Amino acid sequence: MNPKVDDFIVKAKKWPGELKELRRILLSSGLAEEMKWRAPCYTFNNANIAIIGELKDCCVLSFFKGALLHDEAGILTKPGENTQSARIVKFTSVIDIIRLESTLISYIREAIENEKAGKTVDFKQNHELVFAEELIVMMQQIPALKSAFEALTPGRQRAYNIYFLAPKQSKTRLSRIESCLPKILAGKGLMDR
């Protein structure tokens, strides 16, 4: 047990009981406990298996390679429409977690076996990003932006692009690009601090 995880659970705002129960189940499966991305992460031979966290309306158990799991119980969902690998299970009560404990243990064991077997998620290659017109214009006006954006990893480029393309109005897209300019020039991703 990692003392940093103790602190995380104590400071949990809405779901401390649920997080404690998920932690118990994950630790009972023989996984190592670490803090990564400011959340409790559970690993097998240094490979990420699962992570737990709290949201406003629920707490979640997320499997890094959840797309590989046989979801016979139908409890896994994608955390976002562009997610390719991760799958989550949402909880709003300790009773729900206890009710699904045997299923969760089964999924955790399967995730460990997948890791032992070296299974990987077949990511769709999305080399051809269609950029927001406002971003293209700004890259022409600011060559350093173009260089910095191209130096970002493909995942970071994709995250920015999704964020920039979401608004319907051009002025909102432009505002988003302008607000992200310092981060892009610093080589940081959308969610980096």
N, C-alpha and C. Protein backbone atom coordinates (compact mmCIF):
# COMPACT_ATOMS: atom_id res chain seq x y z
N MET A 1 0.84 -1.18 0.00
CA MET A 1 0.00 0.00 0.00
C MET A 1 0.88 1.24 0.00
N ASN A 2 0.52 2.17 -0.86
CA ASN A 2 1.28 3.40 -1.02
C ASN A 2 0.67 4.49 -0.13
N PRO A 3 1.47 5.10 0.77
CA PRO A 3 0.92 6.13 1.65
C PRO A 3 0.34 7.34 0.89
N LYS A 4 0.84 7.60 -0.31
CA LYS A 4 0.29 8.71 -1.10
C LYS A 4 -1.15 8.43 -1.51
N VAL A 5 -1.47 7.15 -1.69
CA VAL A 5 -2.85 6.77 -2.02
C VAL A 5 -3.75 6.96 -0.80
N ASP A 6 -3.19 6.68 0.39
CA ASP A 6 -3.96 6.95 1.62
C ASP A 6 -4.37 8.42 1.64
N ASP A 7 -3.41 9.32 1.37
CA ASP A 7 -3.69 10.76 1.35
C ASP A 7 -4.74 11.10 0.30
N PHE A 8 -4.63 10.49 -0.88
CA PHE A 8 -5.57 10.73 -1.97
C PHE A 8 -6.99 10.39 -1.53
N ILE A 9 -7.15 9.24 -0.89
CA ILE A 9 -8.48 8.80 -0.47
C ILE A 9 -9.02 9.67 0.66
N VAL A 10 -8.17 10.04 1.60
CA VAL A 10 -8.59 10.90 2.70
C VAL A 10 -9.08 12.25 2.17
N LYS A 11 -8.42 12.76 1.12
CA LYS A 11 -8.78 14.06 0.56
C LYS A 11 -9.91 13.99 -0.47
N ALA A 12 -10.37 12.78 -0.77
CA ALA A 12 -11.46 12.63 -1.75
C ALA A 12 -12.67 13.42 -1.30
N LYS A 13 -13.27 14.15 -2.23
CA LYS A 13 -14.38 15.04 -1.88
C LYS A 13 -15.72 14.32 -1.77
N LYS A 14 -16.00 13.40 -2.71
CA LYS A 14 -17.34 12.80 -2.74
C LYS A 14 -17.36 11.28 -2.60
N TRP A 15 -16.27 10.62 -2.98
CA TRP A 15 -16.34 9.17 -3.12
C TRP A 15 -15.25 8.42 -2.33
N PRO A 16 -14.91 8.82 -1.12
CA PRO A 16 -13.82 8.13 -0.41
C PRO A 16 -14.11 6.66 -0.13
N GLY A 17 -15.34 6.34 0.25
CA GLY A 17 -15.69 4.94 0.52
C GLY A 17 -15.58 4.06 -0.71
N GLU A 18 -16.04 4.60 -1.83
CA GLU A 18 -15.99 3.85 -3.09
C GLU A 18 -14.54 3.65 -3.55
N LEU A 19 -13.73 4.70 -3.43
CA LEU A 19 -12.32 4.60 -3.81
C LEU A 19 -11.59 3.59 -2.93
N LYS A 20 -11.90 3.59 -1.66
CA LYS A 20 -11.28 2.65 -0.72
C LYS A 20 -11.64 1.21 -1.09
N GLU A 21 -12.89 1.00 -1.48
CA GLU A 21 -13.34 -0.35 -1.87
C GLU A 21 -12.67 -0.80 -3.16
N LEU A 22 -12.57 0.08 -4.15
CA LEU A 22 -11.89 -0.26 -5.40
C LEU A 22 -10.42 -0.56 -5.14
N ARG A 23 -9.81 0.22 -4.27
CA ARG A 23 -8.41 0.00 -3.91
C ARG A 23 -8.23 -1.40 -3.31
N ARG A 24 -9.11 -1.77 -2.40
CA ARG A 24 -9.04 -3.09 -1.76
C ARG A 24 -9.08 -4.20 -2.81
N ILE A 25 -9.98 -4.08 -3.77
CA ILE A 25 -10.13 -5.11 -4.81
C ILE A 25 -8.88 -5.17 -5.68
N LEU A 26 -8.37 -4.01 -6.08
CA LEU A 26 -7.18 -3.98 -6.93
C LEU A 26 -5.96 -4.55 -6.21
N LEU A 27 -5.79 -4.20 -4.96
CA LEU A 27 -4.65 -4.72 -4.19
C LEU A 27 -4.78 -6.22 -3.96
N SER A 28 -6.01 -6.72 -3.80
CA SER A 28 -6.21 -8.15 -3.60
C SER A 28 -5.83 -8.96 -4.84
N SER A 29 -5.71 -8.28 -5.97
CA SER A 29 -5.33 -8.95 -7.22
C SER A 29 -3.83 -9.00 -7.42
N GLY A 30 -3.07 -8.49 -6.44
CA GLY A 30 -1.61 -8.59 -6.51
C GLY A 30 -0.94 -7.49 -7.31
N LEU A 31 -1.66 -6.43 -7.63
CA LEU A 31 -1.08 -5.34 -8.40
C LEU A 31 -0.28 -4.40 -7.49
N ALA A 32 0.74 -3.78 -8.05
CA ALA A 32 1.52 -2.78 -7.33
C ALA A 32 0.76 -1.46 -7.38
N GLU A 33 0.85 -0.68 -6.31
CA GLU A 33 0.11 0.57 -6.20
C GLU A 33 1.07 1.75 -6.29
N GLU A 34 0.79 2.67 -7.20
CA GLU A 34 1.61 3.86 -7.40
C GLU A 34 0.70 5.06 -7.55
N MET A 35 1.28 6.24 -7.49
CA MET A 35 0.55 7.47 -7.83
C MET A 35 1.09 7.94 -9.17
N LYS A 36 0.23 8.05 -10.15
CA LYS A 36 0.58 8.57 -11.48
C LYS A 36 -0.54 9.49 -11.92
N TRP A 37 -0.18 10.58 -12.55
CA TRP A 37 -1.17 11.55 -13.03
C TRP A 37 -2.07 12.00 -11.88
N ARG A 38 -1.48 12.10 -10.69
CA ARG A 38 -2.18 12.55 -9.47
C ARG A 38 -3.35 11.63 -9.08
N ALA A 39 -3.25 10.35 -9.42
CA ALA A 39 -4.31 9.39 -9.08
C ALA A 39 -3.68 8.02 -8.79
N PRO A 40 -4.36 7.18 -8.00
CA PRO A 40 -3.85 5.84 -7.73
C PRO A 40 -3.86 4.98 -9.00
N CYS A 41 -2.69 4.45 -9.31
CA CYS A 41 -2.50 3.64 -10.52
C CYS A 41 -2.00 2.26 -10.09
N TYR A 42 -2.50 1.22 -10.73
CA TYR A 42 -2.17 -0.15 -10.36
C TYR A 42 -1.47 -0.82 -11.53
N THR A 43 -0.28 -1.38 -11.22
CA THR A 43 0.58 -1.90 -12.28
C THR A 43 0.94 -3.37 -12.05
N PHE A 44 1.34 -4.00 -13.14
CA PHE A 44 1.86 -5.36 -13.11
C PHE A 44 3.16 -5.35 -13.88
N ASN A 45 4.26 -5.69 -13.22
CA ASN A 45 5.59 -5.64 -13.85
C ASN A 45 5.83 -4.29 -14.53
N ASN A 46 5.51 -3.22 -13.84
CA ASN A 46 5.69 -1.83 -14.30
C ASN A 46 4.79 -1.44 -15.47
N ALA A 47 3.85 -2.28 -15.84
CA ALA A 47 2.90 -1.95 -16.90
C ALA A 47 1.58 -1.50 -16.27
N ASN A 48 1.05 -0.39 -16.73
CA ASN A 48 -0.21 0.15 -16.20
C ASN A 48 -1.37 -0.78 -16.53
N ILE A 49 -2.11 -1.17 -15.50
CA ILE A 49 -3.29 -2.02 -15.68
C ILE A 49 -4.56 -1.21 -15.48
N ALA A 50 -4.64 -0.49 -14.35
CA ALA A 50 -5.87 0.24 -14.03
C ALA A 50 -5.53 1.48 -13.21
N ILE A 51 -6.48 2.40 -13.20
CA ILE A 51 -6.35 3.63 -12.42
C ILE A 51 -7.73 3.96 -11.86
N ILE A 52 -7.76 4.54 -10.67
CA ILE A 52 -9.04 4.93 -10.09
C ILE A 52 -9.06 6.43 -9.86
N GLY A 53 -10.25 6.99 -9.87
CA GLY A 53 -10.36 8.42 -9.65
C GLY A 53 -11.80 8.80 -9.37
N GLU A 54 -11.96 10.07 -9.01
CA GLU A 54 -13.32 10.55 -8.75
C GLU A 54 -13.66 11.70 -9.69
N LEU A 55 -14.90 11.68 -10.12
CA LEU A 55 -15.48 12.74 -10.92
C LEU A 55 -16.57 13.39 -10.09
N LYS A 56 -17.23 14.39 -10.62
CA LYS A 56 -18.29 15.05 -9.85
C LYS A 56 -19.46 14.11 -9.56
N ASP A 57 -19.84 13.33 -10.58
CA ASP A 57 -21.05 12.52 -10.44
C ASP A 57 -20.80 11.04 -10.16
N CYS A 58 -19.52 10.63 -10.09
CA CYS A 58 -19.22 9.22 -9.85
C CYS A 58 -17.73 9.04 -9.57
N CYS A 59 -17.37 7.82 -9.18
CA CYS A 59 -15.95 7.47 -9.16
C CYS A 59 -15.77 6.42 -10.25
N VAL A 60 -14.54 6.28 -10.73
CA VAL A 60 -14.31 5.39 -11.87
C VAL A 60 -13.14 4.45 -11.64
N LEU A 61 -13.27 3.28 -12.21
CA LEU A 61 -12.19 2.33 -12.36
C LEU A 61 -11.92 2.29 -13.86
N SER A 62 -10.70 2.63 -14.24
CA SER A 62 -10.36 2.69 -15.66
C SER A 62 -9.29 1.66 -15.98
N PHE A 63 -9.54 0.87 -17.00
CA PHE A 63 -8.57 -0.11 -17.49
C PHE A 63 -7.86 0.51 -18.69
N PHE A 64 -6.52 0.57 -18.61
CA PHE A 64 -5.74 1.19 -19.68
C PHE A 64 -5.95 0.50 -21.02
N LYS A 65 -5.99 -0.84 -21.03
CA LYS A 65 -6.22 -1.61 -22.26
C LYS A 65 -7.58 -2.30 -22.18
N GLY A 66 -8.57 -1.56 -21.74
CA GLY A 66 -9.91 -2.10 -21.57
C GLY A 66 -10.55 -2.60 -22.85
N ALA A 67 -10.11 -2.07 -23.99
CA ALA A 67 -10.67 -2.51 -25.27
C ALA A 67 -10.38 -3.99 -25.53
N LEU A 68 -9.36 -4.54 -24.86
CA LEU A 68 -9.00 -5.94 -25.04
C LEU A 68 -9.83 -6.88 -24.16
N LEU A 69 -10.54 -6.33 -23.19
CA LEU A 69 -11.29 -7.17 -22.25
C LEU A 69 -12.59 -7.68 -22.86
N HIS A 70 -12.95 -8.90 -22.51
CA HIS A 70 -14.23 -9.47 -22.93
C HIS A 70 -15.26 -8.99 -21.91
N ASP A 71 -16.03 -8.03 -22.28
CA ASP A 71 -16.97 -7.39 -21.35
C ASP A 71 -18.29 -8.13 -21.33
N GLU A 72 -18.28 -9.34 -20.76
CA GLU A 72 -19.49 -10.17 -20.74
C GLU A 72 -20.60 -9.54 -19.90
N ALA A 73 -20.23 -8.78 -18.88
CA ALA A 73 -21.23 -8.15 -18.01
C ALA A 73 -21.77 -6.85 -18.61
N GLY A 74 -21.12 -6.34 -19.66
CA GLY A 74 -21.58 -5.11 -20.31
C GLY A 74 -21.44 -3.88 -19.43
N ILE A 75 -20.37 -3.81 -18.63
CA ILE A 75 -20.21 -2.68 -17.71
C ILE A 75 -19.16 -1.67 -18.17
N LEU A 76 -18.38 -1.99 -19.18
CA LEU A 76 -17.32 -1.10 -19.62
C LEU A 76 -17.83 -0.09 -20.65
N THR A 77 -17.37 1.15 -20.50
CA THR A 77 -17.72 2.19 -21.47
C THR A 77 -16.46 2.95 -21.85
N LYS A 78 -16.53 3.62 -23.00
CA LYS A 78 -15.43 4.50 -23.41
C LYS A 78 -15.54 5.80 -22.62
N PRO A 79 -14.42 6.32 -22.13
CA PRO A 79 -14.50 7.60 -21.42
C PRO A 79 -14.76 8.78 -22.34
N GLY A 80 -14.48 8.63 -23.62
CA GLY A 80 -14.72 9.70 -24.58
C GLY A 80 -14.88 9.11 -25.97
N GLU A 81 -15.50 9.86 -26.86
CA GLU A 81 -15.79 9.32 -28.19
C GLU A 81 -14.55 9.00 -29.00
N ASN A 82 -13.41 9.66 -28.70
CA ASN A 82 -12.18 9.42 -29.45
C ASN A 82 -11.25 8.43 -28.76
N THR A 83 -11.68 7.85 -27.66
CA THR A 83 -10.87 6.88 -26.92
C THR A 83 -10.77 5.59 -27.71
N GLN A 84 -9.55 5.06 -27.80
CA GLN A 84 -9.36 3.82 -28.52
C GLN A 84 -9.05 2.65 -27.59
N SER A 85 -8.35 2.87 -26.50
CA SER A 85 -7.89 1.77 -25.67
C SER A 85 -8.59 1.66 -24.32
N ALA A 86 -8.69 2.75 -23.59
CA ALA A 86 -9.22 2.71 -22.22
C ALA A 86 -10.71 2.42 -22.18
N ARG A 87 -11.12 1.77 -21.09
CA ARG A 87 -12.53 1.55 -20.81
C ARG A 87 -12.72 1.77 -19.31
N ILE A 88 -13.87 2.31 -18.94
CA ILE A 88 -14.12 2.63 -17.54
C ILE A 88 -15.39 1.96 -17.04
N VAL A 89 -15.44 1.84 -15.71
CA VAL A 89 -16.65 1.43 -15.02
C VAL A 89 -16.95 2.54 -14.03
N LYS A 90 -18.18 3.06 -14.04
CA LYS A 90 -18.58 4.14 -13.14
C LYS A 90 -19.34 3.57 -11.95
N PHE A 91 -19.08 4.19 -10.79
CA PHE A 91 -19.76 3.77 -9.56
C PHE A 91 -20.27 4.98 -8.79
N THR A 92 -21.41 4.80 -8.14
CA THR A 92 -21.95 5.86 -7.27
C THR A 92 -22.27 5.34 -5.87
N SER A 93 -21.91 4.07 -5.59
CA SER A 93 -22.12 3.55 -4.24
C SER A 93 -21.20 2.36 -3.99
N VAL A 94 -20.86 2.17 -2.72
CA VAL A 94 -20.06 1.03 -2.31
C VAL A 94 -20.82 -0.26 -2.60
N ILE A 95 -22.12 -0.24 -2.44
CA ILE A 95 -22.95 -1.43 -2.70
C ILE A 95 -22.80 -1.89 -4.14
N ASP A 96 -22.77 -0.94 -5.10
CA ASP A 96 -22.58 -1.31 -6.50
C ASP A 96 -21.24 -2.00 -6.72
N ILE A 97 -20.21 -1.51 -6.06
CA ILE A 97 -18.87 -2.09 -6.20
C ILE A 97 -18.86 -3.51 -5.63
N ILE A 98 -19.42 -3.67 -4.44
CA ILE A 98 -19.46 -5.00 -3.81
C ILE A 98 -20.27 -5.98 -4.66
N ARG A 99 -21.36 -5.50 -5.22
CA ARG A 99 -22.20 -6.35 -6.08
C ARG A 99 -21.43 -6.85 -7.31
N LEU A 100 -20.52 -6.01 -7.83
CA LEU A 100 -19.75 -6.36 -9.03
C LEU A 100 -18.34 -6.88 -8.72
N GLU A 101 -18.05 -7.11 -7.45
CA GLU A 101 -16.68 -7.48 -7.07
C GLU A 101 -16.13 -8.66 -7.85
N SER A 102 -16.87 -9.75 -7.95
CA SER A 102 -16.35 -10.93 -8.66
C SER A 102 -16.11 -10.63 -10.14
N THR A 103 -16.98 -9.82 -10.73
CA THR A 103 -16.80 -9.42 -12.14
C THR A 103 -15.55 -8.56 -12.28
N LEU A 104 -15.38 -7.60 -11.37
CA LEU A 104 -14.20 -6.73 -11.41
C LEU A 104 -12.91 -7.54 -11.26
N ILE A 105 -12.91 -8.48 -10.33
CA ILE A 105 -11.73 -9.33 -10.14
C ILE A 105 -11.43 -10.12 -11.41
N SER A 106 -12.47 -10.62 -12.04
CA SER A 106 -12.31 -11.36 -13.29
C SER A 106 -11.70 -10.46 -14.37
N TYR A 107 -12.18 -9.22 -14.48
CA TYR A 107 -11.66 -8.28 -15.48
C TYR A 107 -10.21 -7.91 -15.18
N ILE A 108 -9.89 -7.73 -13.90
CA ILE A 108 -8.51 -7.40 -13.50
C ILE A 108 -7.59 -8.56 -13.86
N ARG A 109 -8.00 -9.78 -13.56
CA ARG A 109 -7.19 -10.96 -13.90
C ARG A 109 -6.98 -11.06 -15.41
N GLU A 110 -8.04 -10.80 -16.17
CA GLU A 110 -7.92 -10.84 -17.63
C GLU A 110 -6.95 -9.76 -18.11
N ALA A 111 -7.01 -8.58 -17.53
CA ALA A 111 -6.09 -7.50 -17.90
C ALA A 111 -4.64 -7.88 -17.60
N ILE A 112 -4.42 -8.54 -16.47
CA ILE A 112 -3.07 -9.01 -16.12
C ILE A 112 -2.61 -10.07 -17.11
N GLU A 113 -3.49 -11.01 -17.44
CA GLU A 113 -3.14 -12.06 -18.41
C GLU A 113 -2.83 -11.45 -19.79
N ASN A 114 -3.61 -10.46 -20.18
CA ASN A 114 -3.34 -9.78 -21.46
C ASN A 114 -1.95 -9.15 -21.45
N GLU A 115 -1.58 -8.55 -20.31
CA GLU A 115 -0.27 -7.93 -20.18
C GLU A 115 0.83 -8.98 -20.24
N LYS A 116 0.63 -10.09 -19.53
CA LYS A 116 1.62 -11.19 -19.56
C LYS A 116 1.82 -11.71 -20.98
N ALA A 117 0.72 -11.77 -21.74
CA ALA A 117 0.77 -12.28 -23.11
C ALA A 117 1.30 -11.24 -24.10
N GLY A 118 1.50 -10.02 -23.63
CA GLY A 118 2.02 -8.97 -24.51
C GLY A 118 1.00 -8.43 -25.49
N LYS A 119 -0.28 -8.59 -25.18
CA LYS A 119 -1.33 -8.11 -26.09
C LYS A 119 -1.34 -6.58 -26.12
N THR A 120 -1.59 -6.05 -27.29
CA THR A 120 -1.66 -4.60 -27.46
C THR A 120 -2.94 -4.23 -28.19
N VAL A 121 -3.38 -3.01 -27.97
CA VAL A 121 -4.55 -2.50 -28.67
C VAL A 121 -4.12 -2.07 -30.06
N ASP A 122 -4.90 -2.44 -31.05
CA ASP A 122 -4.61 -2.05 -32.43
C ASP A 122 -5.20 -0.65 -32.65
N PHE A 123 -4.34 0.35 -32.50
CA PHE A 123 -4.79 1.73 -32.65
C PHE A 123 -5.02 2.06 -34.11
N LYS A 124 -6.13 2.75 -34.36
CA LYS A 124 -6.39 3.24 -35.71
C LYS A 124 -5.39 4.34 -36.00
N GLN A 125 -4.74 4.23 -37.10
CA GLN A 125 -3.78 5.25 -37.48
C GLN A 125 -4.54 6.44 -38.03
N ASN A 126 -4.31 7.57 -37.44
CA ASN A 126 -5.01 8.78 -37.85
C ASN A 126 -3.97 9.82 -38.27
N HIS A 127 -3.18 9.45 -39.30
CA HIS A 127 -2.10 10.33 -39.73
C HIS A 127 -2.63 11.60 -40.38
N GLU A 128 -3.77 11.51 -41.00
CA GLU A 128 -4.31 12.61 -41.78
C GLU A 128 -5.30 13.42 -40.96
N LEU A 129 -4.79 14.37 -40.20
CA LEU A 129 -5.67 15.24 -39.42
C LEU A 129 -6.16 16.38 -40.31
N VAL A 130 -7.42 16.71 -40.18
CA VAL A 130 -7.98 17.85 -40.88
C VAL A 130 -8.02 18.99 -39.86
N PHE A 131 -7.16 19.97 -40.07
CA PHE A 131 -7.02 21.05 -39.10
C PHE A 131 -8.10 22.12 -39.28
N ALA A 132 -8.38 22.79 -38.19
CA ALA A 132 -9.29 23.93 -38.23
C ALA A 132 -8.69 24.99 -39.14
N GLU A 133 -9.50 25.60 -39.97
CA GLU A 133 -9.03 26.63 -40.91
C GLU A 133 -8.33 27.76 -40.16
N GLU A 134 -8.84 28.11 -38.99
CA GLU A 134 -8.25 29.19 -38.19
C GLU A 134 -6.84 28.83 -37.74
N LEU A 135 -6.59 27.56 -37.47
CA LEU A 135 -5.25 27.11 -37.09
C LEU A 135 -4.30 27.20 -38.27
N ILE A 136 -4.77 26.81 -39.44
CA ILE A 136 -3.93 26.88 -40.64
C ILE A 136 -3.52 28.31 -40.92
N VAL A 137 -4.48 29.23 -40.84
CA VAL A 137 -4.19 30.64 -41.09
C VAL A 137 -3.19 31.17 -40.06
N MET A 138 -3.40 30.82 -38.79
CA MET A 138 -2.50 31.29 -37.74
C MET A 138 -1.09 30.71 -37.92
N MET A 139 -0.98 29.47 -38.38
CA MET A 139 0.33 28.87 -38.63
C MET A 139 1.06 29.59 -39.77
N GLN A 140 0.30 30.07 -40.76
CA GLN A 140 0.90 30.83 -41.85
C GLN A 140 1.40 32.18 -41.35
N GLN A 141 0.68 32.77 -40.43
CA GLN A 141 1.05 34.08 -39.89
C GLN A 141 2.18 33.98 -38.87
N ILE A 142 2.25 32.87 -38.14
CA ILE A 142 3.25 32.69 -37.09
C ILE A 142 4.03 31.39 -37.38
N PRO A 143 5.12 31.48 -38.13
CA PRO A 143 5.89 30.27 -38.46
C PRO A 143 6.35 29.47 -37.24
N ALA A 144 6.63 30.14 -36.13
CA ALA A 144 7.06 29.43 -34.92
C ALA A 144 5.94 28.51 -34.40
N LEU A 145 4.68 28.92 -34.59
CA LEU A 145 3.55 28.10 -34.18
C LEU A 145 3.51 26.82 -35.00
N LYS A 146 3.71 26.95 -36.30
CA LYS A 146 3.71 25.78 -37.18
C LYS A 146 4.80 24.80 -36.77
N SER A 147 6.00 25.31 -36.54
CA SER A 147 7.12 24.45 -36.12
C SER A 147 6.84 23.78 -34.78
N ALA A 148 6.34 24.57 -33.83
CA ALA A 148 6.06 24.02 -32.50
C ALA A 148 4.95 22.98 -32.55
N PHE A 149 3.91 23.23 -33.34
CA PHE A 149 2.80 22.30 -33.44
C PHE A 149 3.27 20.99 -34.08
N GLU A 150 4.06 21.09 -35.13
CA GLU A 150 4.56 19.89 -35.81
C GLU A 150 5.51 19.09 -34.93
N ALA A 151 6.15 19.74 -33.96
CA ALA A 151 7.07 19.06 -33.04
C ALA A 151 6.34 18.29 -31.95
N LEU A 152 5.05 18.59 -31.75
CA LEU A 152 4.26 17.87 -30.74
C LEU A 152 4.05 16.43 -31.16
N THR A 153 3.82 15.57 -30.18
CA THR A 153 3.51 14.17 -30.50
C THR A 153 2.18 14.11 -31.25
N PRO A 154 1.96 13.06 -32.04
CA PRO A 154 0.69 12.94 -32.75
C PRO A 154 -0.53 12.99 -31.82
N GLY A 155 -0.43 12.40 -30.64
CA GLY A 155 -1.54 12.43 -29.69
C GLY A 155 -1.85 13.84 -29.21
N ARG A 156 -0.80 14.63 -28.95
CA ARG A 156 -1.01 16.00 -28.52
C ARG A 156 -1.60 16.84 -29.66
N GLN A 157 -1.11 16.61 -30.86
CA GLN A 157 -1.67 17.33 -32.02
C GLN A 157 -3.16 17.00 -32.16
N ARG A 158 -3.49 15.72 -32.03
CA ARG A 158 -4.88 15.29 -32.17
C ARG A 158 -5.75 15.90 -31.08
N ALA A 159 -5.25 15.94 -29.83
CA ALA A 159 -6.03 16.52 -28.73
C ALA A 159 -6.32 18.00 -28.98
N TYR A 160 -5.31 18.74 -29.40
CA TYR A 160 -5.53 20.16 -29.72
C TYR A 160 -6.53 20.29 -30.86
N ASN A 161 -6.36 19.47 -31.89
CA ASN A 161 -7.22 19.57 -33.06
C ASN A 161 -8.68 19.30 -32.71
N ILE A 162 -8.92 18.30 -31.90
CA ILE A 162 -10.29 17.99 -31.46
C ILE A 162 -10.86 19.18 -30.69
N TYR A 163 -10.04 19.75 -29.80
CA TYR A 163 -10.47 20.90 -29.00
C TYR A 163 -10.76 22.11 -29.88
N PHE A 164 -9.91 22.35 -30.88
CA PHE A 164 -10.10 23.50 -31.76
C PHE A 164 -11.30 23.35 -32.69
N LEU A 165 -11.58 22.14 -33.12
CA LEU A 165 -12.68 21.91 -34.07
C LEU A 165 -14.07 21.83 -33.42
N ALA A 166 -14.12 21.67 -32.11
CA ALA A 166 -15.40 21.46 -31.42
C ALA A 166 -16.39 22.62 -31.56
N PRO A 167 -15.97 23.87 -31.40
CA PRO A 167 -16.95 24.97 -31.48
C PRO A 167 -17.48 25.15 -32.90
N LYS A 168 -18.72 25.59 -32.98
CA LYS A 168 -19.35 25.84 -34.28
C LYS A 168 -18.93 27.19 -34.85
N GLN A 169 -18.70 28.16 -33.97
CA GLN A 169 -18.38 29.51 -34.44
C GLN A 169 -16.88 29.70 -34.61
N SER A 170 -16.51 30.35 -35.69
CA SER A 170 -15.12 30.62 -36.00
C SER A 170 -14.43 31.43 -34.91
N LYS A 171 -15.15 32.43 -34.36
CA LYS A 171 -14.52 33.28 -33.34
C LYS A 171 -14.18 32.47 -32.09
N THR A 172 -14.98 31.45 -31.77
CA THR A 172 -14.69 30.60 -30.61
C THR A 172 -13.49 29.71 -30.90
N ARG A 173 -13.43 29.17 -32.12
CA ARG A 173 -12.27 28.35 -32.49
C ARG A 173 -10.99 29.19 -32.42
N LEU A 174 -11.06 30.41 -32.94
CA LEU A 174 -9.90 31.32 -32.92
C LEU A 174 -9.50 31.65 -31.48
N SER A 175 -10.47 31.90 -30.64
CA SER A 175 -10.20 32.20 -29.23
C SER A 175 -9.49 31.03 -28.54
N ARG A 176 -9.93 29.83 -28.84
CA ARG A 176 -9.29 28.64 -28.26
C ARG A 176 -7.85 28.51 -28.74
N ILE A 177 -7.63 28.73 -30.01
CA ILE A 177 -6.27 28.63 -30.55
C ILE A 177 -5.37 29.67 -29.89
N GLU A 178 -5.86 30.90 -29.79
CA GLU A 178 -5.07 31.96 -29.17
C GLU A 178 -4.76 31.66 -27.72
N SER A 179 -5.71 31.10 -26.99
CA SER A 179 -5.46 30.80 -25.57
C SER A 179 -4.46 29.65 -25.40
N CYS A 180 -4.37 28.77 -26.39
CA CYS A 180 -3.45 27.63 -26.31
C CYS A 180 -2.07 27.93 -26.89
N LEU A 181 -1.94 29.06 -27.54
CA LEU A 181 -0.68 29.42 -28.20
C LEU A 181 0.54 29.30 -27.29
N PRO A 182 0.53 29.86 -26.07
CA PRO A 182 1.72 29.73 -25.21
C PRO A 182 2.09 28.28 -24.89
N LYS A 183 1.08 27.43 -24.68
CA LYS A 183 1.36 26.02 -24.38
C LYS A 183 1.98 25.32 -25.58
N ILE A 184 1.43 25.57 -26.76
CA ILE A 184 1.96 24.93 -27.96
C ILE A 184 3.40 25.37 -28.19
N LEU A 185 3.66 26.67 -28.07
CA LEU A 185 5.01 27.18 -28.27
C LEU A 185 5.99 26.63 -27.23
N ALA A 186 5.47 26.26 -26.06
CA ALA A 186 6.32 25.67 -25.01
C ALA A 186 6.45 24.16 -25.16
N GLY A 187 5.80 23.60 -26.19
CA GLY A 187 5.90 22.17 -26.44
C GLY A 187 5.02 21.32 -25.53
N LYS A 188 4.01 21.95 -24.93
CA LYS A 188 3.13 21.24 -24.00
C LYS A 188 1.84 20.80 -24.67
N GLY A 189 1.28 19.74 -24.13
CA GLY A 189 0.00 19.25 -24.62
C GLY A 189 -1.15 20.03 -23.99
N LEU A 190 -2.33 19.83 -24.50
CA LEU A 190 -3.53 20.52 -24.05
C LEU A 190 -3.76 20.37 -22.55
N MET A 191 -3.52 19.20 -22.00
CA MET A 191 -3.78 18.94 -20.59
C MET A 191 -2.55 19.10 -19.71
N ASP A 192 -1.40 19.43 -20.28
CA ASP A 192 -0.18 19.63 -19.50
C ASP A 192 -0.26 20.95 -18.75
N ARG A 193 0.44 21.00 -17.62
CA ARG A 193 0.49 22.23 -16.83
C ARG A 193 1.73 23.00 -17.17
